[in-house]
Amino acid sequence: MNDKKLIDFYNKEYEQYFDTYTGKNNYPSNLYRLKIVKYFFESIGKDKDIIKILDAGCGGAQVITSLLDEGYINIRGIDLSKEMINYSKIKLKELNFDPNIVQYGDVKKNSI
């Protein structure tokens, strides 16, 4: 599948994602990702304010908002879907977080 087809597919599928999971913060893979990330960072024993996190494929920013709530402050997110980034920015702003920590871009192409 070429990149344009992948991006088109992802942009189309975000609507189903929103209908199913928006506002619930319980997208199954996000809960698992959050558990892994927290375990990893807790195991290395560094302070939350010096750890730098890039959430590649941040989607609706559920993992990001959860980590921010827990005191992690150096977090950035990137996603292929402009719609997801727009939603993430709105959600972050509603929660009094900086909406500019998420950006549209393609990690594979290093285009942030």
N, C-alpha and C. Protein backbone atom coordinates (compact mmCIF):
# COMPACT_ATOMS: atom_id res chain seq x y z
N MET A 1 0.85 -1.17 0.00
CA MET A 1 0.00 0.00 0.00
C MET A 1 0.90 1.23 0.00
N ASN A 2 0.66 2.16 -0.92
CA ASN A 2 1.49 3.35 -0.94
C ASN A 2 1.06 4.33 0.15
N ASP A 3 1.91 5.32 0.40
CA ASP A 3 1.66 6.25 1.50
C ASP A 3 0.35 7.01 1.36
N LYS A 4 0.02 7.45 0.16
CA LYS A 4 -1.21 8.21 -0.03
C LYS A 4 -2.43 7.35 0.29
N LYS A 5 -2.42 6.11 -0.16
CA LYS A 5 -3.54 5.20 0.15
C LYS A 5 -3.66 4.97 1.65
N LEU A 6 -2.53 4.82 2.31
CA LEU A 6 -2.53 4.61 3.76
C LEU A 6 -3.12 5.83 4.47
N ILE A 7 -2.67 7.01 4.10
CA ILE A 7 -3.16 8.24 4.73
C ILE A 7 -4.66 8.42 4.45
N ASP A 8 -5.08 8.17 3.22
CA ASP A 8 -6.51 8.27 2.88
C ASP A 8 -7.34 7.29 3.71
N PHE A 9 -6.86 6.07 3.84
CA PHE A 9 -7.55 5.07 4.64
C PHE A 9 -7.66 5.53 6.08
N TYR A 10 -6.56 5.99 6.63
CA TYR A 10 -6.52 6.42 8.03
C TYR A 10 -7.47 7.59 8.26
N ASN A 11 -7.45 8.57 7.35
CA ASN A 11 -8.34 9.72 7.49
C ASN A 11 -9.80 9.31 7.42
N LYS A 12 -10.11 8.32 6.63
CA LYS A 12 -11.49 7.84 6.53
C LYS A 12 -11.90 7.11 7.82
N GLU A 13 -11.00 6.31 8.35
CA GLU A 13 -11.31 5.49 9.52
C GLU A 13 -11.42 6.28 10.82
N TYR A 14 -10.89 7.49 10.84
CA TYR A 14 -10.94 8.25 12.10
C TYR A 14 -12.38 8.48 12.54
N GLU A 15 -13.31 8.58 11.59
CA GLU A 15 -14.71 8.80 11.96
C GLU A 15 -15.25 7.65 12.81
N GLN A 16 -14.95 6.42 12.44
CA GLN A 16 -15.39 5.27 13.23
C GLN A 16 -14.72 5.28 14.60
N TYR A 17 -13.46 5.66 14.63
CA TYR A 17 -12.74 5.77 15.89
C TYR A 17 -13.46 6.76 16.81
N PHE A 18 -13.80 7.93 16.27
CA PHE A 18 -14.48 8.94 17.08
C PHE A 18 -15.82 8.43 17.58
N ASP A 19 -16.58 7.81 16.70
CA ASP A 19 -17.90 7.31 17.10
C ASP A 19 -17.80 6.27 18.22
N THR A 20 -16.75 5.48 18.19
CA THR A 20 -16.61 4.40 19.16
C THR A 20 -15.91 4.82 20.45
N TYR A 21 -14.88 5.65 20.35
CA TYR A 21 -14.01 5.85 21.52
C TYR A 21 -13.88 7.28 22.02
N THR A 22 -14.33 8.27 21.30
CA THR A 22 -14.10 9.65 21.70
C THR A 22 -14.67 9.93 23.08
N GLY A 23 -13.84 10.53 23.90
CA GLY A 23 -14.26 10.94 25.23
C GLY A 23 -14.25 9.83 26.26
N LYS A 24 -13.97 8.61 25.83
CA LYS A 24 -14.00 7.49 26.76
C LYS A 24 -12.63 7.12 27.28
N ASN A 25 -11.60 7.53 26.57
CA ASN A 25 -10.21 7.25 26.96
C ASN A 25 -9.98 5.76 27.20
N ASN A 26 -10.69 4.93 26.48
CA ASN A 26 -10.54 3.50 26.71
C ASN A 26 -10.30 2.71 25.43
N TYR A 27 -9.70 3.35 24.44
CA TYR A 27 -9.33 2.62 23.24
C TYR A 27 -8.36 1.52 23.69
N PRO A 28 -8.68 0.27 23.45
CA PRO A 28 -7.91 -0.83 24.05
C PRO A 28 -6.40 -0.74 23.87
N SER A 29 -5.94 -0.44 22.69
CA SER A 29 -4.48 -0.40 22.52
C SER A 29 -3.86 0.78 23.27
N ASN A 30 -4.60 1.88 23.44
CA ASN A 30 -4.05 3.01 24.18
C ASN A 30 -3.86 2.67 25.65
N LEU A 31 -4.78 1.92 26.22
CA LEU A 31 -4.63 1.52 27.61
C LEU A 31 -3.40 0.65 27.79
N TYR A 32 -3.16 -0.23 26.85
CA TYR A 32 -1.99 -1.10 26.91
C TYR A 32 -0.71 -0.30 26.69
N ARG A 33 -0.73 0.60 25.71
CA ARG A 33 0.45 1.45 25.46
C ARG A 33 0.79 2.27 26.70
N LEU A 34 -0.22 2.84 27.33
CA LEU A 34 0.00 3.64 28.52
C LEU A 34 0.64 2.81 29.64
N LYS A 35 0.14 1.60 29.82
CA LYS A 35 0.69 0.72 30.86
C LYS A 35 2.16 0.41 30.59
N ILE A 36 2.50 0.12 29.35
CA ILE A 36 3.89 -0.19 28.98
C ILE A 36 4.78 1.03 29.19
N VAL A 37 4.34 2.18 28.72
CA VAL A 37 5.14 3.40 28.84
C VAL A 37 5.38 3.74 30.30
N LYS A 38 4.33 3.70 31.11
CA LYS A 38 4.49 4.02 32.53
C LYS A 38 5.43 3.03 33.22
N TYR A 39 5.28 1.75 32.92
CA TYR A 39 6.16 0.74 33.51
C TYR A 39 7.62 1.01 33.14
N PHE A 40 7.84 1.27 31.87
CA PHE A 40 9.20 1.52 31.39
C PHE A 40 9.81 2.72 32.10
N PHE A 41 9.10 3.83 32.12
CA PHE A 41 9.67 5.04 32.72
C PHE A 41 9.83 4.91 34.22
N GLU A 42 8.93 4.22 34.87
CA GLU A 42 9.08 4.01 36.31
C GLU A 42 10.27 3.11 36.60
N SER A 43 10.53 2.14 35.71
CA SER A 43 11.63 1.21 35.95
C SER A 43 13.01 1.84 35.75
N ILE A 44 13.12 2.88 34.92
CA ILE A 44 14.42 3.52 34.74
C ILE A 44 14.70 4.55 35.82
N GLY A 45 13.69 4.91 36.57
CA GLY A 45 13.88 5.74 37.75
C GLY A 45 14.24 7.19 37.51
N LYS A 46 13.92 7.73 36.34
CA LYS A 46 14.21 9.14 36.09
C LYS A 46 12.99 9.99 36.47
N ASP A 47 13.27 11.23 36.80
CA ASP A 47 12.20 12.15 37.14
C ASP A 47 11.32 12.43 35.93
N LYS A 48 10.04 12.58 36.18
CA LYS A 48 9.07 12.78 35.10
C LYS A 48 9.34 14.06 34.30
N ASP A 49 9.98 15.03 34.93
CA ASP A 49 10.19 16.30 34.23
C ASP A 49 11.42 16.30 33.32
N ILE A 50 12.23 15.24 33.34
CA ILE A 50 13.38 15.19 32.43
C ILE A 50 13.22 14.14 31.32
N ILE A 51 12.26 13.28 31.46
CA ILE A 51 12.02 12.27 30.43
C ILE A 51 11.37 12.93 29.22
N LYS A 52 11.87 12.62 28.02
CA LYS A 52 11.30 13.16 26.79
C LYS A 52 10.56 12.04 26.06
N ILE A 53 9.32 12.33 25.66
CA ILE A 53 8.46 11.32 25.05
C ILE A 53 7.96 11.82 23.71
N LEU A 54 8.07 10.98 22.68
CA LEU A 54 7.45 11.24 21.40
C LEU A 54 6.41 10.15 21.18
N ASP A 55 5.16 10.54 21.07
CA ASP A 55 4.09 9.59 20.78
C ASP A 55 3.82 9.63 19.29
N ALA A 56 4.48 8.74 18.57
CA ALA A 56 4.32 8.64 17.12
C ALA A 56 3.05 7.84 16.84
N GLY A 57 2.10 8.46 16.17
CA GLY A 57 0.79 7.85 15.97
C GLY A 57 -0.10 8.17 17.16
N CYS A 58 -0.06 9.42 17.59
CA CYS A 58 -0.74 9.82 18.84
C CYS A 58 -2.26 9.81 18.74
N GLY A 59 -2.81 9.76 17.52
CA GLY A 59 -4.26 9.68 17.38
C GLY A 59 -4.97 10.80 18.11
N GLY A 60 -5.90 10.44 18.98
CA GLY A 60 -6.68 11.42 19.72
C GLY A 60 -6.03 11.91 20.99
N ALA A 61 -4.77 11.62 21.18
CA ALA A 61 -3.94 12.11 22.30
C ALA A 61 -4.35 11.56 23.66
N GLN A 62 -5.01 10.41 23.70
CA GLN A 62 -5.40 9.84 24.99
C GLN A 62 -4.19 9.49 25.85
N VAL A 63 -3.18 8.87 25.24
CA VAL A 63 -1.99 8.52 26.00
C VAL A 63 -1.28 9.79 26.47
N ILE A 64 -1.19 10.77 25.60
CA ILE A 64 -0.54 12.03 25.95
C ILE A 64 -1.24 12.70 27.12
N THR A 65 -2.55 12.82 27.06
CA THR A 65 -3.27 13.50 28.15
C THR A 65 -3.14 12.72 29.46
N SER A 66 -3.15 11.41 29.39
CA SER A 66 -2.97 10.61 30.61
C SER A 66 -1.60 10.83 31.22
N LEU A 67 -0.56 10.87 30.39
CA LEU A 67 0.79 11.10 30.89
C LEU A 67 0.94 12.52 31.44
N LEU A 68 0.35 13.49 30.78
CA LEU A 68 0.39 14.86 31.29
C LEU A 68 -0.29 14.94 32.65
N ASP A 69 -1.42 14.26 32.78
CA ASP A 69 -2.14 14.23 34.06
C ASP A 69 -1.27 13.64 35.18
N GLU A 70 -0.37 12.74 34.81
CA GLU A 70 0.48 12.08 35.80
C GLU A 70 1.80 12.80 36.04
N GLY A 71 1.99 13.96 35.41
CA GLY A 71 3.16 14.77 35.70
C GLY A 71 4.28 14.74 34.68
N TYR A 72 4.14 13.95 33.61
CA TYR A 72 5.15 13.98 32.55
C TYR A 72 4.92 15.28 31.77
N ILE A 73 5.99 16.01 31.50
CA ILE A 73 5.80 17.33 30.88
C ILE A 73 6.46 17.49 29.52
N ASN A 74 7.45 16.69 29.21
CA ASN A 74 8.18 16.80 27.94
C ASN A 74 7.63 15.78 26.94
N ILE A 75 6.44 16.06 26.45
CA ILE A 75 5.76 15.13 25.56
C ILE A 75 5.42 15.83 24.26
N ARG A 76 5.62 15.12 23.16
CA ARG A 76 5.22 15.59 21.84
C ARG A 76 4.48 14.45 21.15
N GLY A 77 3.56 14.81 20.27
CA GLY A 77 2.82 13.82 19.51
C GLY A 77 2.82 14.16 18.04
N ILE A 78 2.78 13.13 17.22
CA ILE A 78 2.71 13.29 15.77
C ILE A 78 1.74 12.25 15.23
N ASP A 79 0.99 12.63 14.21
CA ASP A 79 0.04 11.70 13.61
C ASP A 79 -0.14 12.03 12.14
N LEU A 80 -0.47 11.00 11.35
CA LEU A 80 -0.70 11.15 9.91
C LEU A 80 -2.04 11.79 9.58
N SER A 81 -2.95 11.80 10.52
CA SER A 81 -4.30 12.30 10.25
C SER A 81 -4.46 13.74 10.74
N LYS A 82 -4.73 14.63 9.80
CA LYS A 82 -4.97 16.02 10.17
C LYS A 82 -6.20 16.13 11.07
N GLU A 83 -7.20 15.30 10.80
CA GLU A 83 -8.42 15.32 11.60
C GLU A 83 -8.13 14.92 13.05
N MET A 84 -7.30 13.90 13.24
CA MET A 84 -6.95 13.47 14.59
C MET A 84 -6.13 14.55 15.30
N ILE A 85 -5.24 15.18 14.60
CA ILE A 85 -4.45 16.26 15.19
C ILE A 85 -5.36 17.43 15.58
N ASN A 86 -6.30 17.77 14.71
CA ASN A 86 -7.23 18.85 15.04
C ASN A 86 -8.04 18.50 16.29
N TYR A 87 -8.52 17.26 16.36
CA TYR A 87 -9.25 16.81 17.55
C TYR A 87 -8.35 16.87 18.78
N SER A 88 -7.12 16.39 18.65
CA SER A 88 -6.18 16.37 19.77
C SER A 88 -5.92 17.78 20.29
N LYS A 89 -5.75 18.72 19.38
CA LYS A 89 -5.51 20.10 19.79
C LYS A 89 -6.69 20.65 20.58
N ILE A 90 -7.89 20.36 20.14
CA ILE A 90 -9.09 20.82 20.85
C ILE A 90 -9.15 20.18 22.24
N LYS A 91 -8.93 18.86 22.29
CA LYS A 91 -8.98 18.14 23.57
C LYS A 91 -7.91 18.66 24.53
N LEU A 92 -6.69 18.85 24.05
CA LEU A 92 -5.62 19.35 24.90
C LEU A 92 -5.96 20.74 25.45
N LYS A 93 -6.48 21.60 24.58
CA LYS A 93 -6.84 22.94 25.01
C LYS A 93 -7.95 22.90 26.07
N GLU A 94 -8.96 22.03 25.86
CA GLU A 94 -10.05 21.88 26.84
C GLU A 94 -9.52 21.46 28.20
N LEU A 95 -8.45 20.67 28.20
CA LEU A 95 -7.87 20.16 29.44
C LEU A 95 -6.76 21.07 29.99
N ASN A 96 -6.63 22.26 29.40
CA ASN A 96 -5.63 23.25 29.80
C ASN A 96 -4.19 22.81 29.58
N PHE A 97 -3.97 22.03 28.53
CA PHE A 97 -2.63 21.66 28.11
C PHE A 97 -2.31 22.40 26.81
N ASP A 98 -1.04 22.52 26.50
CA ASP A 98 -0.61 23.21 25.28
C ASP A 98 -1.00 22.38 24.05
N PRO A 99 -1.87 22.91 23.21
CA PRO A 99 -2.29 22.15 22.02
C PRO A 99 -1.19 22.01 20.96
N ASN A 100 -0.15 22.79 21.09
CA ASN A 100 0.92 22.75 20.09
C ASN A 100 1.91 21.60 20.31
N ILE A 101 1.66 20.77 21.31
CA ILE A 101 2.56 19.63 21.51
C ILE A 101 2.24 18.50 20.53
N VAL A 102 1.13 18.60 19.80
CA VAL A 102 0.81 17.62 18.77
C VAL A 102 0.89 18.28 17.40
N GLN A 103 1.39 17.52 16.43
CA GLN A 103 1.57 18.05 15.09
C GLN A 103 1.22 17.00 14.05
N TYR A 104 0.77 17.49 12.92
CA TYR A 104 0.57 16.63 11.76
C TYR A 104 1.95 16.36 11.16
N GLY A 105 2.20 15.12 10.81
CA GLY A 105 3.46 14.79 10.16
C GLY A 105 3.60 13.30 9.96
N ASP A 106 4.66 12.95 9.27
CA ASP A 106 4.96 11.57 8.92
C ASP A 106 6.35 11.22 9.44
N VAL A 107 6.41 10.41 10.48
CA VAL A 107 7.69 10.03 11.06
C VAL A 107 8.56 9.33 10.02
N LYS A 108 7.93 8.51 9.20
CA LYS A 108 8.67 7.76 8.19
C LYS A 108 9.43 8.69 7.25
N LYS A 109 8.83 9.84 6.96
CA LYS A 109 9.46 10.81 6.07
C LYS A 109 10.17 11.91 6.85
N ASN A 110 10.11 11.81 8.18
CA ASN A 110 10.71 12.83 9.04
C ASN A 110 10.17 14.22 8.71
N SER A 111 8.87 14.28 8.45
CA SER A 111 8.25 15.56 8.10
C SER A 111 7.34 16.01 9.22
N ILE A 112 7.89 16.79 10.10
CA ILE A 112 7.13 17.33 11.23
C ILE A 112 7.00 18.83 11.03
